[in-house]
Amino acid sequence: MELVKLKKNYNQFGYCIIKNFINSKSIKNLKTFTKIIKKTKPTSNQIMKYYENSILNGNKEILVRAEYFYDFHNGLKKFLDNKKIHRILHFLMNGKCILFKEKINFKPSGCRADKLHQDSQGGWNKFSKNFISILVSIEKSTKINGCLEFDVSGNNKNRSIGRIFKPLKVNELNKPDFKSIELNPGDVLFFNHYIPHRSKSNQSHFNRTQLYITYNLKKDGNFRKKYFKEKRISFPPNNERPQGKKFKYKIWFL
């Protein structure tokens, strides 16, 4: 897709897609990297790994996501700093961008649904008013394994609508139009932090591994360390939680 059309779609609807943006060799590398992250033993103050009980087998614990790996995996760090990606970011955001946060959503079989939300509901606006996220599809994402559903109406992508730290309700939106975003490995989705989205649970036998990278304009500041420092306190990874203390899953930690 040509850049001008890409930016028009992004401005009008809050998201845009580039099919086959990442070549097969890079996708193969990303699959290897994510497998390494998955096998890496959690260590305090390093990669943040989050486990939950499977909705299909309550006695089985599954890894649903990993975050804060930029400084601990050279292959992923190199990919996140990719000039090809940053050229697109610069064009869509009208300026140089800097990393805000990074995560891998594994969405394995038995993973619960993600409730309707805007990313801005995570309190991001205290850092900046303008974020862009990149979803890199590492595995095939379909309705069967819980692909993302976006409000593609363009009516609700310019401001925070939902309350901070609370799931968003459909009746709070202005004439939403939800669409399942099915992606193949190598497809890339760009979206802002206001567009409402959700996903169903994965009750299939197919994993839905995706890389999510969020950036803000460099001129606004570098907030990554502060964001993750606060998150480690309010919603730490499983291995850093005090024994006996329970932490409730909250929508803004997707």
C-alpha atoms as a PDB file:
ATOM      1  CA  MET A   1       0.000   0.000   0.000  1.00  0.00           C
ATOM      2  CA  GLU A   2       1.392   3.403  -0.910  1.00  0.00           C
ATOM      3  CA  LEU A   3       2.272   5.656   2.009  1.00  0.00           C
ATOM      4  CA  VAL A   4      -0.209   8.428   1.212  1.00  0.00           C
ATOM      5  CA  LYS A   5      -3.133   5.993   1.192  1.00  0.00           C
ATOM      6  CA  LEU A   6      -1.778   4.325   4.319  1.00  0.00           C
ATOM      7  CA  LYS A   7      -1.711   7.617   6.198  1.00  0.00           C
ATOM      8  CA  LYS A   8      -5.182   8.548   4.953  1.00  0.00           C
ATOM      9  CA  ASN A   9      -6.574   5.299   6.357  1.00  0.00           C
ATOM     10  CA  TYR A  10      -4.735   5.791   9.639  1.00  0.00           C
ATOM     11  CA  ASN A  11      -6.019   9.343  10.070  1.00  0.00           C
ATOM     12  CA  GLN A  12      -9.566   8.459   9.067  1.00  0.00           C
ATOM     13  CA  PHE A  13     -10.056   5.192  10.945  1.00  0.00           C
ATOM     14  CA  GLY A  14      -7.298   5.075  13.570  1.00  0.00           C
ATOM     15  CA  TYR A  15      -5.576   2.071  12.020  1.00  0.00           C
ATOM     16  CA  CYS A  16      -4.066   0.739   8.802  1.00  0.00           C
ATOM     17  CA  ILE A  17      -2.652  -2.580   7.625  1.00  0.00           C
ATOM     18  CA  ILE A  18       0.320  -3.486   5.449  1.00  0.00           C
ATOM     19  CA  LYS A  19       0.123  -7.026   4.150  1.00  0.00           C
ATOM     20  CA  ASN A  20       3.352  -9.060   3.935  1.00  0.00           C
ATOM     21  CA  PHE A  21       5.368  -6.170   5.397  1.00  0.00           C
ATOM     22  CA  ILE A  22       7.753  -8.517   7.222  1.00  0.00           C
ATOM     23  CA  ASN A  23       9.502 -11.100   5.039  1.00  0.00           C
ATOM     24  CA  SER A  24       9.433 -14.827   5.768  1.00  0.00           C
ATOM     25  CA  LYS A  25      13.049 -14.906   7.010  1.00  0.00           C
ATOM     26  CA  SER A  26      12.337 -12.218   9.607  1.00  0.00           C
ATOM     27  CA  ILE A  27       9.137 -13.963  10.685  1.00  0.00           C
ATOM     28  CA  LYS A  28      11.082 -17.184  11.123  1.00  0.00           C
ATOM     29  CA  ASN A  29      13.572 -15.307  13.305  1.00  0.00           C
ATOM     30  CA  LEU A  30      10.761 -13.736  15.337  1.00  0.00           C
ATOM     31  CA  LYS A  31       9.268 -17.190  15.928  1.00  0.00           C
ATOM     32  CA  THR A  32      12.631 -18.354  17.220  1.00  0.00           C
ATOM     33  CA  PHE A  33      13.005 -15.265  19.418  1.00  0.00           C
ATOM     34  CA  THR A  34       9.551 -15.686  20.958  1.00  0.00           C
ATOM     35  CA  LYS A  35      10.241 -19.357  21.682  1.00  0.00           C
ATOM     36  CA  ILE A  36      13.433 -18.341  23.478  1.00  0.00           C
ATOM     37  CA  ILE A  37      11.519 -15.776  25.533  1.00  0.00           C
ATOM     38  CA  LYS A  38       8.932 -18.421  26.345  1.00  0.00           C
ATOM     39  CA  LYS A  39      11.571 -20.830  27.636  1.00  0.00           C
ATOM     40  CA  THR A  40      13.589 -18.216  29.518  1.00  0.00           C
ATOM     41  CA  LYS A  41      13.282 -18.587  33.277  1.00  0.00           C
ATOM     42  CA  PRO A  42      11.753 -15.434  34.816  1.00  0.00           C
ATOM     43  CA  THR A  43      14.314 -13.311  36.662  1.00  0.00           C
ATOM     44  CA  SER A  44      13.559 -10.331  38.893  1.00  0.00           C
ATOM     45  CA  ASN A  45      13.886  -6.928  37.232  1.00  0.00           C
ATOM     46  CA  GLN A  46      14.328  -8.418  33.780  1.00  0.00           C
ATOM     47  CA  ILE A  47      11.805  -9.823  31.271  1.00  0.00           C
ATOM     48  CA  MET A  48       8.265  -9.629  32.659  1.00  0.00           C
ATOM     49  CA  LYS A  49       6.301 -12.840  32.084  1.00  0.00           C
ATOM     50  CA  TYR A  50       2.612 -13.231  32.918  1.00  0.00           C
ATOM     51  CA  TYR A  51       0.914 -16.570  33.511  1.00  0.00           C
ATOM     52  CA  GLU A  52      -2.782 -17.318  33.970  1.00  0.00           C
ATOM     53  CA  ASN A  53      -4.913 -20.411  34.425  1.00  0.00           C
ATOM     54  CA  SER A  54      -6.295 -21.873  31.223  1.00  0.00           C
ATOM     55  CA  ILE A  55     -10.034 -21.400  30.737  1.00  0.00           C
ATOM     56  CA  LEU A  56     -10.128 -24.911  29.255  1.00  0.00           C
ATOM     57  CA  ASN A  57      -8.227 -26.537  32.126  1.00  0.00           C
ATOM     58  CA  GLY A  58      -8.230 -24.624  35.383  1.00  0.00           C
ATOM     59  CA  ASN A  59      -5.305 -26.670  36.706  1.00  0.00           C
ATOM     60  CA  LYS A  60      -3.047 -25.712  33.814  1.00  0.00           C
ATOM     61  CA  GLU A  61      -1.036 -22.496  33.931  1.00  0.00           C
ATOM     62  CA  ILE A  62      -0.273 -20.856  30.574  1.00  0.00           C
ATOM     63  CA  LEU A  63       2.028 -18.019  29.530  1.00  0.00           C
ATOM     64  CA  VAL A  64      -0.179 -15.321  28.043  1.00  0.00           C
ATOM     65  CA  ARG A  65       2.328 -12.515  27.485  1.00  0.00           C
ATOM     66  CA  ALA A  66       5.858 -11.241  28.006  1.00  0.00           C
ATOM     67  CA  GLU A  67       7.026  -7.639  28.291  1.00  0.00           C
ATOM     68  CA  TYR A  68      10.130  -5.539  28.874  1.00  0.00           C
ATOM     69  CA  PHE A  69      12.503  -7.603  26.742  1.00  0.00           C
ATOM     70  CA  TYR A  70      14.109  -4.822  24.672  1.00  0.00           C
ATOM     71  CA  ASP A  71      17.263  -4.693  26.806  1.00  0.00           C
ATOM     72  CA  PHE A  72      17.595  -8.455  27.224  1.00  0.00           C
ATOM     73  CA  HIS A  73      17.326  -9.866  23.695  1.00  0.00           C
ATOM     74  CA  ASN A  74      19.516  -8.442  20.932  1.00  0.00           C
ATOM     75  CA  GLY A  75      17.479  -9.961  18.105  1.00  0.00           C
ATOM     76  CA  LEU A  76      14.231  -8.385  19.253  1.00  0.00           C
ATOM     77  CA  LYS A  77      15.995  -5.118  20.065  1.00  0.00           C
ATOM     78  CA  LYS A  78      17.349  -4.943  16.522  1.00  0.00           C
ATOM     79  CA  PHE A  79      13.886  -5.624  15.105  1.00  0.00           C
ATOM     80  CA  LEU A  80      12.242  -2.929  17.233  1.00  0.00           C
ATOM     81  CA  ASP A  81      14.846  -0.419  16.025  1.00  0.00           C
ATOM     82  CA  ASN A  82      14.324  -1.403  12.381  1.00  0.00           C
ATOM     83  CA  LYS A  83      14.732   1.602  10.057  1.00  0.00           C
ATOM     84  CA  LYS A  84      12.010   0.304   7.738  1.00  0.00           C
ATOM     85  CA  ILE A  85       9.508   0.409  10.586  1.00  0.00           C
ATOM     86  CA  HIS A  86      10.669   3.805  11.820  1.00  0.00           C
ATOM     87  CA  ARG A  87      10.245   5.340   8.358  1.00  0.00           C
ATOM     88  CA  ILE A  88       6.567   4.335   8.434  1.00  0.00           C
ATOM     89  CA  LEU A  89       6.199   5.605  11.995  1.00  0.00           C
ATOM     90  CA  HIS A  90       7.773   8.950  11.102  1.00  0.00           C
ATOM     91  CA  PHE A  91       5.393   9.358   8.179  1.00  0.00           C
ATOM     92  CA  LEU A  92       2.250   8.420  10.130  1.00  0.00           C
ATOM     93  CA  MET A  93       3.148  10.444  13.223  1.00  0.00           C
ATOM     94  CA  ASN A  94       4.747  13.450  11.499  1.00  0.00           C
ATOM     95  CA  GLY A  95       7.921  13.100  13.534  1.00  0.00           C
ATOM     96  CA  LYS A  96      10.551  10.782  14.988  1.00  0.00           C
ATOM     97  CA  CYS A  97       9.274   8.158  17.380  1.00  0.00           C
ATOM     98  CA  ILE A  98      10.736   6.511  20.476  1.00  0.00           C
ATOM     99  CA  LEU A  99       9.853   3.199  22.114  1.00  0.00           C
ATOM    100  CA  PHE A 100       7.260   3.402  24.894  1.00  0.00           C
ATOM    101  CA  LYS A 101       6.541  -0.264  25.618  1.00  0.00           C
ATOM    102  CA  GLU A 102       6.891  -3.710  24.073  1.00  0.00           C
ATOM    103  CA  LYS A 103       5.124  -7.023  24.590  1.00  0.00           C
ATOM    104  CA  ILE A 104       4.455 -10.415  23.086  1.00  0.00           C
ATOM    105  CA  ASN A 105       0.885 -11.693  23.279  1.00  0.00           C
ATOM    106  CA  PHE A 106       1.110 -15.475  23.069  1.00  0.00           C
ATOM    107  CA  LYS A 107      -2.673 -16.079  23.190  1.00  0.00           C
ATOM    108  CA  PRO A 108      -2.293 -19.864  23.471  1.00  0.00           C
ATOM    109  CA  SER A 109      -5.102 -22.385  23.501  1.00  0.00           C
ATOM    110  CA  GLY A 110      -7.119 -21.772  26.657  1.00  0.00           C
ATOM    111  CA  CYS A 111      -6.377 -18.034  26.839  1.00  0.00           C
ATOM    112  CA  ARG A 112      -9.237 -15.855  28.062  1.00  0.00           C
ATOM    113  CA  ALA A 113     -10.855 -13.023  26.111  1.00  0.00           C
ATOM    114  CA  ASP A 114      -9.583  -9.436  26.148  1.00  0.00           C
ATOM    115  CA  LYS A 115     -12.376  -7.054  27.079  1.00  0.00           C
ATOM    116  CA  LEU A 116     -13.305  -4.049  24.980  1.00  0.00           C
ATOM    117  CA  HIS A 117     -10.980  -1.134  25.715  1.00  0.00           C
ATOM    118  CA  GLN A 118      -8.952   1.790  24.473  1.00  0.00           C
ATOM    119  CA  ASP A 119      -5.247   1.634  25.252  1.00  0.00           C
ATOM    120  CA  SER A 120      -5.508   5.191  26.565  1.00  0.00           C
ATOM    121  CA  GLN A 121      -7.552   3.821  29.488  1.00  0.00           C
ATOM    122  CA  GLY A 122      -4.299   2.551  30.952  1.00  0.00           C
ATOM    123  CA  GLY A 123      -3.419   6.080  31.992  1.00  0.00           C
ATOM    124  CA  TRP A 124      -1.110   6.605  29.040  1.00  0.00           C
ATOM    125  CA  ASN A 125      -2.254  10.195  28.572  1.00  0.00           C
ATOM    126  CA  LYS A 126      -0.220  11.265  31.594  1.00  0.00           C
ATOM    127  CA  PHE A 127       2.881  10.459  29.540  1.00  0.00           C
ATOM    128  CA  SER A 128       1.830  11.703  26.097  1.00  0.00           C
ATOM    129  CA  LYS A 129      -1.293  12.452  24.067  1.00  0.00           C
ATOM    130  CA  ASN A 130      -0.185  10.626  20.942  1.00  0.00           C
ATOM    131  CA  PHE A 131       0.830   6.966  20.718  1.00  0.00           C
ATOM    132  CA  ILE A 132       1.034   4.494  17.878  1.00  0.00           C
ATOM    133  CA  SER A 133       1.229   0.720  18.255  1.00  0.00           C
ATOM    134  CA  ILE A 134       2.445  -1.851  15.773  1.00  0.00           C
ATOM    135  CA  LEU A 135       1.051  -5.364  15.775  1.00  0.00           C
ATOM    136  CA  VAL A 136       3.291  -7.849  13.967  1.00  0.00           C
ATOM    137  CA  SER A 137       1.494 -11.090  13.229  1.00  0.00           C
ATOM    138  CA  ILE A 138       3.959 -13.918  13.904  1.00  0.00           C
ATOM    139  CA  GLU A 139       1.368 -16.662  13.607  1.00  0.00           C
ATOM    140  CA  LYS A 140      -1.901 -16.767  11.697  1.00  0.00           C
ATOM    141  CA  SER A 141      -4.605 -14.781  13.476  1.00  0.00           C
ATOM    142  CA  THR A 142      -8.220 -15.763  12.739  1.00  0.00           C
ATOM    143  CA  LYS A 143     -11.674 -15.732  14.280  1.00  0.00           C
ATOM    144  CA  ILE A 144     -10.989 -19.301  15.405  1.00  0.00           C
ATOM    145  CA  ASN A 145      -8.020 -18.440  17.647  1.00  0.00           C
ATOM    146  CA  GLY A 146      -9.223 -15.060  18.909  1.00  0.00           C
ATOM    147  CA  CYS A 147      -8.087 -12.387  16.463  1.00  0.00           C
ATOM    148  CA  LEU A 148      -8.471  -8.711  17.336  1.00  0.00           C
ATOM    149  CA  GLU A 149     -11.779  -6.974  16.684  1.00  0.00           C
ATOM    150  CA  PHE A 150     -11.520  -3.248  15.935  1.00  0.00           C
ATOM    151  CA  ASP A 151     -14.150  -0.551  15.818  1.00  0.00           C
ATOM    152  CA  VAL A 152     -13.536   0.483  12.207  1.00  0.00           C
ATOM    153  CA  SER A 153     -16.241   3.168  12.117  1.00  0.00           C
ATOM    154  CA  GLY A 154     -13.738   5.981  12.660  1.00  0.00           C
ATOM    155  CA  ASN A 155     -16.187   7.571  15.107  1.00  0.00           C
ATOM    156  CA  ASN A 156     -14.326   6.758  18.318  1.00  0.00           C
ATOM    157  CA  LYS A 157     -10.619   7.027  17.538  1.00  0.00           C
ATOM    158  CA  ASN A 158      -9.750  10.616  18.472  1.00  0.00           C
ATOM    159  CA  ARG A 159     -10.225  10.808  22.246  1.00  0.00           C
ATOM    160  CA  SER A 160     -10.478   8.829  25.465  1.00  0.00           C
ATOM    161  CA  ILE A 161     -14.042   7.644  25.949  1.00  0.00           C
ATOM    162  CA  GLY A 162     -13.859   4.956  28.614  1.00  0.00           C
ATOM    163  CA  ARG A 163     -12.922   5.534  32.240  1.00  0.00           C
ATOM    164  CA  ILE A 164      -9.366   4.935  33.403  1.00  0.00           C
ATOM    165  CA  PHE A 165      -8.782   1.324  34.498  1.00  0.00           C
ATOM    166  CA  LYS A 166     -12.360   0.242  33.627  1.00  0.00           C
ATOM    167  CA  PRO A 167     -13.579  -1.957  30.737  1.00  0.00           C
ATOM    168  CA  LEU A 168     -15.179   0.042  27.950  1.00  0.00           C
ATOM    169  CA  LYS A 169     -18.880  -0.485  27.226  1.00  0.00           C
ATOM    170  CA  VAL A 170     -20.258  -0.684  23.702  1.00  0.00           C
ATOM    171  CA  ASN A 171     -23.053   1.755  24.565  1.00  0.00           C
ATOM    172  CA  GLU A 172     -20.429   4.383  25.398  1.00  0.00           C
ATOM    173  CA  LEU A 173     -19.324   4.425  21.758  1.00  0.00           C
ATOM    174  CA  ASN A 174     -20.717   6.475  18.888  1.00  0.00           C
ATOM    175  CA  LYS A 175     -22.127   4.088  16.261  1.00  0.00           C
ATOM    176  CA  PRO A 176     -19.314   1.526  16.411  1.00  0.00           C
ATOM    177  CA  ASP A 177     -18.684  -0.966  13.632  1.00  0.00           C
ATOM    178  CA  PHE A 178     -16.650  -3.942  14.814  1.00  0.00           C
ATOM    179  CA  LYS A 179     -14.576  -5.936  12.370  1.00  0.00           C
ATOM    180  CA  SER A 180     -12.487  -9.053  12.928  1.00  0.00           C
ATOM    181  CA  ILE A 181      -8.900  -8.346  11.855  1.00  0.00           C
ATOM    182  CA  GLU A 182      -7.572 -11.616  10.463  1.00  0.00           C
ATOM    183  CA  LEU A 183      -3.852 -11.560   9.708  1.00  0.00           C
ATOM    184  CA  ASN A 184      -1.234 -13.830   8.167  1.00  0.00           C
ATOM    185  CA  PRO A 185       2.357 -14.107   9.399  1.00  0.00           C
ATOM    186  CA  GLY A 186       4.223 -11.013   8.187  1.00  0.00           C
ATOM    187  CA  ASP A 187       1.178  -8.740   8.128  1.00  0.00           C
ATOM    188  CA  VAL A 188       1.537  -5.571  10.200  1.00  0.00           C
ATOM    189  CA  LEU A 189      -1.198  -3.462  11.764  1.00  0.00           C
ATOM    190  CA  PHE A 190      -0.618   0.150  12.866  1.00  0.00           C
ATOM    191  CA  PHE A 191      -3.147   1.657  15.297  1.00  0.00           C
ATOM    192  CA  ASN A 192      -3.472   4.608  17.659  1.00  0.00           C
ATOM    193  CA  HIS A 193      -4.189   4.390  21.388  1.00  0.00           C
ATOM    194  CA  TYR A 194      -7.793   5.540  21.137  1.00  0.00           C
ATOM    195  CA  ILE A 195      -9.320   3.055  18.698  1.00  0.00           C
ATOM    196  CA  PRO A 196     -11.572   0.624  20.649  1.00  0.00           C
ATOM    197  CA  HIS A 197     -10.667  -3.055  20.310  1.00  0.00           C
ATOM    198  CA  ARG A 198     -11.183  -6.453  21.908  1.00  0.00           C
ATOM    199  CA  SER A 199     -10.661 -10.159  21.233  1.00  0.00           C
ATOM    200  CA  LYS A 200     -12.485 -13.368  22.034  1.00  0.00           C
ATOM    201  CA  SER A 201     -10.981 -16.255  23.960  1.00  0.00           C
ATOM    202  CA  ASN A 202      -8.876 -18.860  22.189  1.00  0.00           C
ATOM    203  CA  GLN A 203     -10.617 -22.195  22.541  1.00  0.00           C
ATOM    204  CA  SER A 204      -8.949 -23.683  19.488  1.00  0.00           C
ATOM    205  CA  HIS A 205      -5.750 -25.729  19.258  1.00  0.00           C
ATOM    206  CA  PHE A 206      -3.936 -22.934  17.411  1.00  0.00           C
ATOM    207  CA  ASN A 207      -1.712 -20.368  19.133  1.00  0.00           C
ATOM    208  CA  ARG A 208      -1.952 -16.699  18.124  1.00  0.00           C
ATOM    209  CA  THR A 209       1.453 -15.210  18.865  1.00  0.00           C
ATOM    210  CA  GLN A 210       1.737 -11.489  18.084  1.00  0.00           C
ATOM    211  CA  LEU A 211       4.324  -8.816  18.783  1.00  0.00           C
ATOM    212  CA  TYR A 212       3.021  -5.430  19.972  1.00  0.00           C
ATOM    213  CA  ILE A 213       5.305  -2.403  19.936  1.00  0.00           C
ATOM    214  CA  THR A 214       4.132   1.017  21.130  1.00  0.00           C
ATOM    215  CA  TYR A 215       5.887   4.306  20.349  1.00  0.00           C
ATOM    216  CA  ASN A 216       5.361   7.963  21.157  1.00  0.00           C
ATOM    217  CA  LEU A 217       6.820  11.047  19.526  1.00  0.00           C
ATOM    218  CA  LYS A 218      10.420  11.516  20.572  1.00  0.00           C
ATOM    219  CA  LYS A 219       9.837  15.233  21.181  1.00  0.00           C
ATOM    220  CA  ASP A 220       7.311  14.347  23.917  1.00  0.00           C
ATOM    221  CA  GLY A 221       9.905  12.479  25.979  1.00  0.00           C
ATOM    222  CA  ASN A 222      11.214   9.021  26.868  1.00  0.00           C
ATOM    223  CA  PHE A 223       8.771   7.331  29.264  1.00  0.00           C
ATOM    224  CA  ARG A 224       9.523   3.623  28.870  1.00  0.00           C
ATOM    225  CA  LYS A 225      11.507   3.111  32.093  1.00  0.00           C
ATOM    226  CA  LYS A 226       8.968   5.041  34.173  1.00  0.00           C
ATOM    227  CA  TYR A 227       6.039   3.122  32.657  1.00  0.00           C
ATOM    228  CA  PHE A 228       7.525  -0.291  33.410  1.00  0.00           C
ATOM    229  CA  LYS A 229       8.744   0.766  36.862  1.00  0.00           C
ATOM    230  CA  GLU A 230       5.184   1.719  37.792  1.00  0.00           C
ATOM    231  CA  LYS A 231       3.770  -1.461  36.275  1.00  0.00           C
ATOM    232  CA  ARG A 232       6.134  -3.693  38.237  1.00  0.00           C
ATOM    233  CA  ILE A 233       4.609  -2.190  41.387  1.00  0.00           C
ATOM    234  CA  SER A 234       0.926  -2.157  40.422  1.00  0.00           C
ATOM    235  CA  PHE A 235       0.829  -5.383  38.384  1.00  0.00           C
ATOM    236  CA  PRO A 236       4.109  -7.298  38.721  1.00  0.00           C
ATOM    237  CA  PRO A 237       4.926 -10.455  36.753  1.00  0.00           C
ATOM    238  CA  ASN A 238       4.064 -13.679  38.550  1.00  0.00           C
ATOM    239  CA  ASN A 239       7.577 -14.377  39.832  1.00  0.00           C
ATOM    240  CA  GLU A 240       7.809 -10.934  41.508  1.00  0.00           C
ATOM    241  CA  ARG A 241       4.542 -11.086  43.425  1.00  0.00           C
ATOM    242  CA  PRO A 242       4.694 -11.234  47.226  1.00  0.00           C
ATOM    243  CA  GLN A 243       3.567 -14.614  48.521  1.00  0.00           C
ATOM    244  CA  GLY A 244      -0.087 -14.623  49.459  1.00  0.00           C
ATOM    245  CA  LYS A 245      -0.907 -11.339  47.725  1.00  0.00           C
ATOM    246  CA  LYS A 246      -3.321 -11.480  44.820  1.00  0.00           C
ATOM    247  CA  PHE A 247      -3.245  -9.112  41.856  1.00  0.00           C
ATOM    248  CA  LYS A 248      -6.404  -8.633  39.853  1.00  0.00           C
ATOM    249  CA  TYR A 249      -6.100  -8.673  36.077  1.00  0.00           C
ATOM    250  CA  LYS A 250      -6.925  -5.239  34.686  1.00  0.00           C
ATOM    251  CA  ILE A 251      -7.706  -4.361  31.115  1.00  0.00           C
ATOM    252  CA  TRP A 252      -5.013  -1.730  30.649  1.00  0.00           C
ATOM    253  CA  PHE A 253      -2.271  -4.327  31.047  1.00  0.00           C
ATOM    254  CA  LEU A 254      -2.991  -6.021  27.728  1.00  0.00           C
END
